[in-house]
N, C-alpha and C. Protein backbone atom coordinates (compact mmCIF):
# COMPACT_ATOMS: atom_id res chain seq x y z
N UNK A 1 -19.97 9.37 -13.62
CA UNK A 1 -18.74 10.44 -13.55
C UNK A 1 -17.66 10.06 -13.50
N UNK A 2 -17.34 8.86 -12.92
CA UNK A 2 -15.45 8.27 -12.32
C UNK A 2 -15.64 7.78 -14.01
N UNK A 3 -16.44 7.04 -14.62
CA UNK A 3 -15.88 6.45 -16.07
C UNK A 3 -15.69 7.52 -17.10
N UNK A 4 -16.22 8.54 -16.89
CA UNK A 4 -16.17 9.64 -17.95
C UNK A 4 -14.42 10.31 -17.34
N UNK A 5 -14.03 10.41 -15.88
CA UNK A 5 -13.06 10.73 -15.48
C UNK A 5 -12.02 9.90 -16.47
N UNK A 6 -11.98 8.73 -16.51
CA UNK A 6 -11.07 7.91 -17.09
C UNK A 6 -10.95 7.89 -18.17
N UNK A 7 -11.88 8.28 -19.05
CA UNK A 7 -12.16 8.75 -20.73
C UNK A 7 -11.10 9.77 -20.62
N UNK A 8 -11.34 11.11 -19.87
CA UNK A 8 -10.64 12.26 -20.32
C UNK A 8 -9.22 12.02 -19.98
N UNK A 9 -8.81 11.01 -18.95
CA UNK A 9 -7.48 10.74 -18.64
C UNK A 9 -6.82 9.74 -19.22
N UNK A 10 -7.37 9.15 -20.25
CA UNK A 10 -6.92 7.88 -20.99
C UNK A 10 -6.95 6.83 -20.36
N UNK A 11 -7.52 6.63 -19.10
CA UNK A 11 -7.38 5.14 -18.32
C UNK A 11 -8.36 4.29 -19.02
N UNK A 12 -7.85 3.21 -19.14
CA UNK A 12 -8.87 2.15 -19.94
C UNK A 12 -9.47 1.00 -18.60
N UNK A 13 -10.46 1.23 -18.38
CA UNK A 13 -11.12 0.74 -16.96
C UNK A 13 -12.38 0.77 -17.04
N UNK A 14 -13.16 0.35 -15.88
CA UNK A 14 -14.39 0.66 -15.61
C UNK A 14 -14.72 0.43 -14.43
N UNK A 15 -15.99 1.61 -13.70
CA UNK A 15 -16.45 1.33 -12.31
C UNK A 15 -17.80 0.89 -12.22
N UNK A 16 -18.22 -0.08 -11.55
CA UNK A 16 -19.69 -0.57 -11.78
C UNK A 16 -20.53 0.28 -11.01
N UNK A 17 -20.40 0.98 -10.15
CA UNK A 17 -21.18 1.78 -9.06
C UNK A 17 -19.72 2.50 -8.34
N UNK A 18 -20.20 3.91 -8.12
CA UNK A 18 -19.72 4.57 -7.27
C UNK A 18 -20.52 5.92 -6.46
N UNK A 19 -19.67 6.24 -5.26
CA UNK A 19 -20.60 7.20 -4.66
C UNK A 19 -19.64 8.46 -3.99
N UNK A 20 -20.02 9.65 -4.43
CA UNK A 20 -19.13 10.48 -3.56
C UNK A 20 -20.32 11.48 -3.12
N UNK A 21 -19.43 11.81 -1.79
CA UNK A 21 -20.22 12.82 -0.99
C UNK A 21 -19.19 14.15 -0.25
N UNK A 22 -19.74 14.99 -0.02
CA UNK A 22 -19.08 16.42 0.70
C UNK A 22 -19.71 16.47 1.75
N UNK A 23 -19.14 16.54 2.92
CA UNK A 23 -19.46 16.90 4.21
C UNK A 23 -18.78 17.72 4.72
N UNK A 24 -19.46 18.49 5.86
CA UNK A 24 -18.58 19.81 6.64
C UNK A 24 -18.29 19.38 7.69
N UNK A 25 -17.12 19.52 8.00
CA UNK A 25 -15.99 21.05 7.38
C UNK A 25 -15.46 20.16 6.41
N UNK A 26 -15.63 20.37 5.44
CA UNK A 26 -14.53 20.30 4.43
C UNK A 26 -14.07 18.71 4.24
N UNK A 27 -15.05 17.63 4.20
CA UNK A 27 -14.42 16.39 3.76
C UNK A 27 -14.80 15.93 2.45
N UNK A 28 -14.33 15.23 1.80
CA UNK A 28 -14.93 14.40 0.48
C UNK A 28 -14.37 13.17 0.47
N UNK A 29 -15.73 12.26 0.50
CA UNK A 29 -15.20 10.85 0.35
C UNK A 29 -15.79 10.31 -0.92
N UNK A 30 -15.11 9.30 -1.53
CA UNK A 30 -15.60 8.75 -2.63
C UNK A 30 -15.51 7.04 -2.04
N UNK A 31 -16.45 6.29 -2.61
CA UNK A 31 -16.57 4.88 -2.60
C UNK A 31 -17.05 4.21 -3.77
N UNK A 32 -16.36 3.32 -4.15
CA UNK A 32 -16.28 2.89 -5.49
C UNK A 32 -16.36 1.22 -5.33
N UNK A 33 -17.24 0.93 -5.75
CA UNK A 33 -17.67 -0.90 -5.97
C UNK A 33 -17.03 -1.15 -7.44
N UNK A 34 -16.55 -2.26 -7.34
CA UNK A 34 -15.98 -3.25 -8.59
C UNK A 34 -15.36 -2.13 -9.41
N UNK A 35 -13.69 -1.74 -9.02
CA UNK A 35 -12.91 -1.06 -10.00
C UNK A 35 -12.10 -1.87 -10.56
N UNK A 36 -12.03 -1.86 -12.11
CA UNK A 36 -11.12 -2.71 -13.17
C UNK A 36 -10.69 -1.53 -13.64
N UNK A 37 -9.05 -1.93 -13.91
CA UNK A 37 -8.15 -1.67 -14.77
C UNK A 37 -7.83 -2.39 -15.75
N UNK A 38 -7.80 -1.93 -17.32
CA UNK A 38 -7.71 -3.08 -18.30
C UNK A 38 -6.27 -2.95 -18.76
N UNK A 39 -5.71 -4.31 -18.89
CA UNK A 39 -4.49 -4.85 -19.13
C UNK A 39 -4.32 -4.07 -20.73
N UNK A 40 -3.16 -3.63 -20.90
CA UNK A 40 -2.87 -3.21 -22.30
C UNK A 40 -3.30 -4.42 -23.04
N UNK A 41 -3.10 -4.24 -24.71
CA UNK A 41 -3.19 -5.30 -25.18
C UNK A 41 -2.03 -5.99 -25.54
N UNK A 42 -2.36 -7.23 -25.92
CA UNK A 42 -1.15 -8.39 -26.06
C UNK A 42 -0.43 -9.16 -24.53
N UNK A 43 -1.14 -8.91 -23.37
CA UNK A 43 -1.05 -9.47 -22.26
C UNK A 43 -2.22 -10.65 -21.98
N UNK A 44 -1.80 -11.49 -21.10
CA UNK A 44 -2.31 -12.91 -20.89
C UNK A 44 -3.81 -12.47 -20.06
N UNK A 45 -3.58 -11.52 -19.01
CA UNK A 45 -4.78 -11.57 -18.23
C UNK A 45 -5.55 -10.33 -18.64
N UNK A 46 -6.88 -10.47 -18.73
CA UNK A 46 -7.78 -9.12 -19.13
C UNK A 46 -7.62 -7.71 -18.18
N UNK A 47 -7.34 -7.84 -16.97
CA UNK A 47 -7.17 -6.90 -16.32
C UNK A 47 -5.96 -6.70 -15.35
N UNK A 48 -5.51 -5.08 -15.20
CA UNK A 48 -3.98 -5.17 -14.25
C UNK A 48 -4.42 -4.93 -13.05
N UNK A 49 -5.79 -4.36 -13.02
CA UNK A 49 -5.88 -4.39 -11.37
C UNK A 49 -7.51 -4.62 -11.38
N UNK A 50 -8.06 -5.31 -10.24
CA UNK A 50 -9.12 -5.55 -9.84
C UNK A 50 -9.17 -5.08 -8.47
N UNK A 51 -10.13 -4.30 -8.21
CA UNK A 51 -10.52 -4.10 -6.70
C UNK A 51 -12.12 -4.12 -6.41
N UNK A 52 -12.76 -5.12 -5.30
CA UNK A 52 -13.88 -5.50 -5.17
C UNK A 52 -14.48 -3.80 -4.70
N UNK A 53 -13.60 -3.21 -3.72
CA UNK A 53 -14.28 -2.12 -3.05
C UNK A 53 -13.29 -1.40 -2.78
N UNK A 54 -13.28 -0.15 -2.85
CA UNK A 54 -12.49 1.63 -2.57
C UNK A 54 -13.07 2.16 -1.92
N UNK A 55 -12.37 2.81 -1.06
CA UNK A 55 -13.14 4.06 -0.19
C UNK A 55 -12.03 4.99 0.19
N UNK A 56 -12.01 6.05 -0.12
CA UNK A 56 -11.25 7.17 0.12
C UNK A 56 -11.96 8.31 0.74
N UNK A 57 -11.26 8.81 1.67
CA UNK A 57 -12.12 10.46 2.41
C UNK A 57 -10.66 11.40 2.59
N UNK A 58 -10.51 12.38 2.04
CA UNK A 58 -9.66 13.18 1.97
C UNK A 58 -10.37 14.50 2.54
N UNK A 59 -9.07 15.46 2.92
CA UNK A 59 -9.48 16.70 3.55
C UNK A 59 -9.61 17.77 2.19
N UNK A 60 -10.63 17.81 2.04
CA UNK A 60 -11.07 19.01 0.73
C UNK A 60 -10.08 20.23 0.74
N UNK A 61 -9.98 20.90 1.84
CA UNK A 61 -8.69 21.83 1.65
C UNK A 61 -7.26 21.90 1.47
N UNK A 62 -7.10 20.54 1.90
CA UNK A 62 -5.52 20.20 1.45
C UNK A 62 -5.50 19.86 0.03
N UNK A 63 -6.50 19.87 -0.84
CA UNK A 63 -6.48 19.37 -2.12
C UNK A 63 -5.94 20.75 -2.93
N UNK A 64 -6.05 22.17 -2.28
CA UNK A 64 -5.50 23.18 -2.84
C UNK A 64 -4.07 23.43 -2.69
N UNK A 65 -3.23 22.53 -1.82
CA UNK A 65 -1.89 22.54 -1.42
C UNK A 65 -1.24 21.40 -2.15
N UNK A 66 0.07 21.41 -2.03
CA UNK A 66 1.18 20.49 -2.54
C UNK A 66 0.90 19.11 -1.97
N UNK A 67 0.31 19.09 -0.53
CA UNK A 67 0.26 17.66 -0.08
C UNK A 67 -1.30 17.57 0.47
N UNK A 68 -1.72 16.44 -0.19
CA UNK A 68 -3.24 16.02 0.03
C UNK A 68 -3.33 15.08 1.32
N UNK A 69 -4.04 15.54 2.16
CA UNK A 69 -4.44 14.65 3.25
C UNK A 69 -5.30 13.74 3.17
N UNK A 70 -4.96 12.17 3.13
CA UNK A 70 -5.96 11.54 3.12
C UNK A 70 -6.05 10.87 4.32
N UNK A 71 -7.60 10.83 4.84
CA UNK A 71 -7.92 10.70 6.01
C UNK A 71 -8.25 9.16 6.39
N UNK A 72 -8.96 8.66 4.99
CA UNK A 72 -9.11 6.98 5.01
C UNK A 72 -8.93 6.64 3.73
N UNK A 73 -8.53 5.61 3.73
CA UNK A 73 -7.82 4.68 2.52
C UNK A 73 -8.54 3.24 2.56
N UNK A 74 -9.24 2.47 1.96
CA UNK A 74 -9.66 1.32 2.07
C UNK A 74 -9.75 0.49 1.01
N UNK A 75 -9.34 -0.55 0.86
CA UNK A 75 -9.56 -1.46 -0.31
C UNK A 75 -9.53 -2.93 -0.03
N UNK A 76 -10.69 -3.59 -0.62
CA UNK A 76 -11.23 -4.57 -0.18
C UNK A 76 -10.62 -5.60 -1.66
N UNK A 77 -10.49 -7.16 -1.25
CA UNK A 77 -10.21 -7.80 -2.48
C UNK A 77 -9.54 -7.05 -3.49
N UNK A 78 -8.29 -6.88 -3.31
CA UNK A 78 -7.22 -6.38 -4.63
C UNK A 78 -6.56 -7.58 -5.23
N UNK A 79 -6.48 -7.41 -6.47
CA UNK A 79 -5.73 -8.32 -7.46
C UNK A 79 -4.98 -7.46 -8.23
N UNK A 80 -3.48 -7.83 -8.12
CA UNK A 80 -3.04 -6.73 -9.32
C UNK A 80 -2.06 -8.12 -10.01
N UNK A 81 -2.12 -8.17 -11.32
CA UNK A 81 -1.77 -8.72 -12.30
C UNK A 81 -0.44 -8.32 -12.73
N UNK A 82 0.86 -8.23 -12.42
CA UNK A 82 1.98 -7.74 -13.15
C UNK A 82 2.64 -9.03 -14.29
N UNK A 83 2.72 -8.62 -15.34
CA UNK A 83 3.20 -9.78 -16.33
C UNK A 83 4.40 -8.83 -17.27
N UNK A 84 5.30 -9.31 -17.69
CA UNK A 84 6.32 -9.31 -18.73
C UNK A 84 6.24 -10.36 -20.07
N UNK A 85 6.13 -9.61 -21.19
CA UNK A 85 6.16 -10.17 -21.98
C UNK A 85 7.19 -9.72 -23.17
N UNK A 86 7.91 -10.57 -23.68
CA UNK A 86 9.00 -10.33 -24.48
C UNK A 86 8.29 -9.33 -25.62
N UNK A 87 9.04 -8.39 -25.88
CA UNK A 87 8.72 -7.47 -27.09
C UNK A 87 7.58 -6.14 -26.72
N UNK A 88 6.90 -6.32 -25.27
CA UNK A 88 6.38 -5.38 -24.73
C UNK A 88 6.69 -5.09 -23.56
N UNK A 89 7.32 -5.98 -22.59
CA UNK A 89 7.97 -5.23 -21.41
C UNK A 89 6.58 -5.56 -20.68
N UNK A 90 6.98 -4.75 -19.40
CA UNK A 90 6.13 -4.56 -18.12
C UNK A 90 4.73 -4.14 -18.45
N UNK A 91 3.88 -5.07 -18.11
CA UNK A 91 2.28 -4.21 -18.62
C UNK A 91 1.99 -3.02 -17.61
N UNK A 92 2.50 -2.63 -16.27
CA UNK A 92 2.20 -1.60 -15.52
C UNK A 92 3.04 -0.47 -15.98
N UNK A 93 3.89 -0.76 -16.70
CA UNK A 93 4.78 0.26 -16.87
C UNK A 93 4.21 1.22 -18.27
N UNK A 94 3.78 -0.10 -19.08
CA UNK A 94 3.04 0.41 -20.35
C UNK A 94 1.85 1.09 -20.15
N UNK A 95 1.12 0.70 -19.12
CA UNK A 95 -0.09 1.44 -18.64
C UNK A 95 0.12 2.78 -18.54
N UNK A 96 1.30 2.92 -17.18
CA UNK A 96 1.51 4.27 -16.85
C UNK A 96 2.10 5.13 -18.01
N UNK A 97 2.91 4.56 -18.83
CA UNK A 97 3.18 5.39 -20.26
C UNK A 97 2.02 6.01 -20.87
N UNK A 98 0.93 4.89 -21.24
CA UNK A 98 -0.18 5.28 -21.73
C UNK A 98 -0.69 6.51 -21.34
N UNK A 99 -1.25 6.50 -19.88
CA UNK A 99 -1.91 7.34 -18.97
C UNK A 99 -1.25 8.62 -19.02
N UNK A 100 0.06 8.74 -18.70
CA UNK A 100 0.81 9.97 -18.83
C UNK A 100 1.33 10.85 -19.94
N UNK A 101 1.61 9.83 -21.27
CA UNK A 101 2.12 10.45 -22.42
C UNK A 101 1.51 10.29 -23.47
N UNK A 102 0.28 9.29 -23.53
CA UNK A 102 -0.64 8.88 -24.48
C UNK A 102 -0.13 7.75 -25.53
N UNK A 103 0.85 7.39 -25.01
CA UNK A 103 1.73 6.29 -25.66
C UNK A 103 2.24 4.85 -24.88
N UNK A 104 1.77 3.97 -25.31
CA UNK A 104 2.48 2.85 -24.43
C UNK A 104 4.06 2.90 -24.64
N UNK A 105 4.64 3.47 -25.43
CA UNK A 105 6.46 3.12 -25.44
C UNK A 105 6.88 4.22 -24.36
């Protein structure tokens, strides 16, 4: 399901395993094993972001307001590869532009 979410939102990456649960009274917990965001083409490293484990718990009811209340946020073994290439610019900015605009420019 999370990999499909990536496709819908133009995110280039993969999740090897994920678990989501909803508990009463109104908590949403998502636990992800091995999250990878793929670097845009032309950069040295294959991944922009590598996370061994990621865990988030949010108050479901807060998701219907302007401010989402995050009750738990845990990340293990996080690697971020920021690169700048002549003619391409900074990889994280190109990635953000691609996800939000559909173009890396």
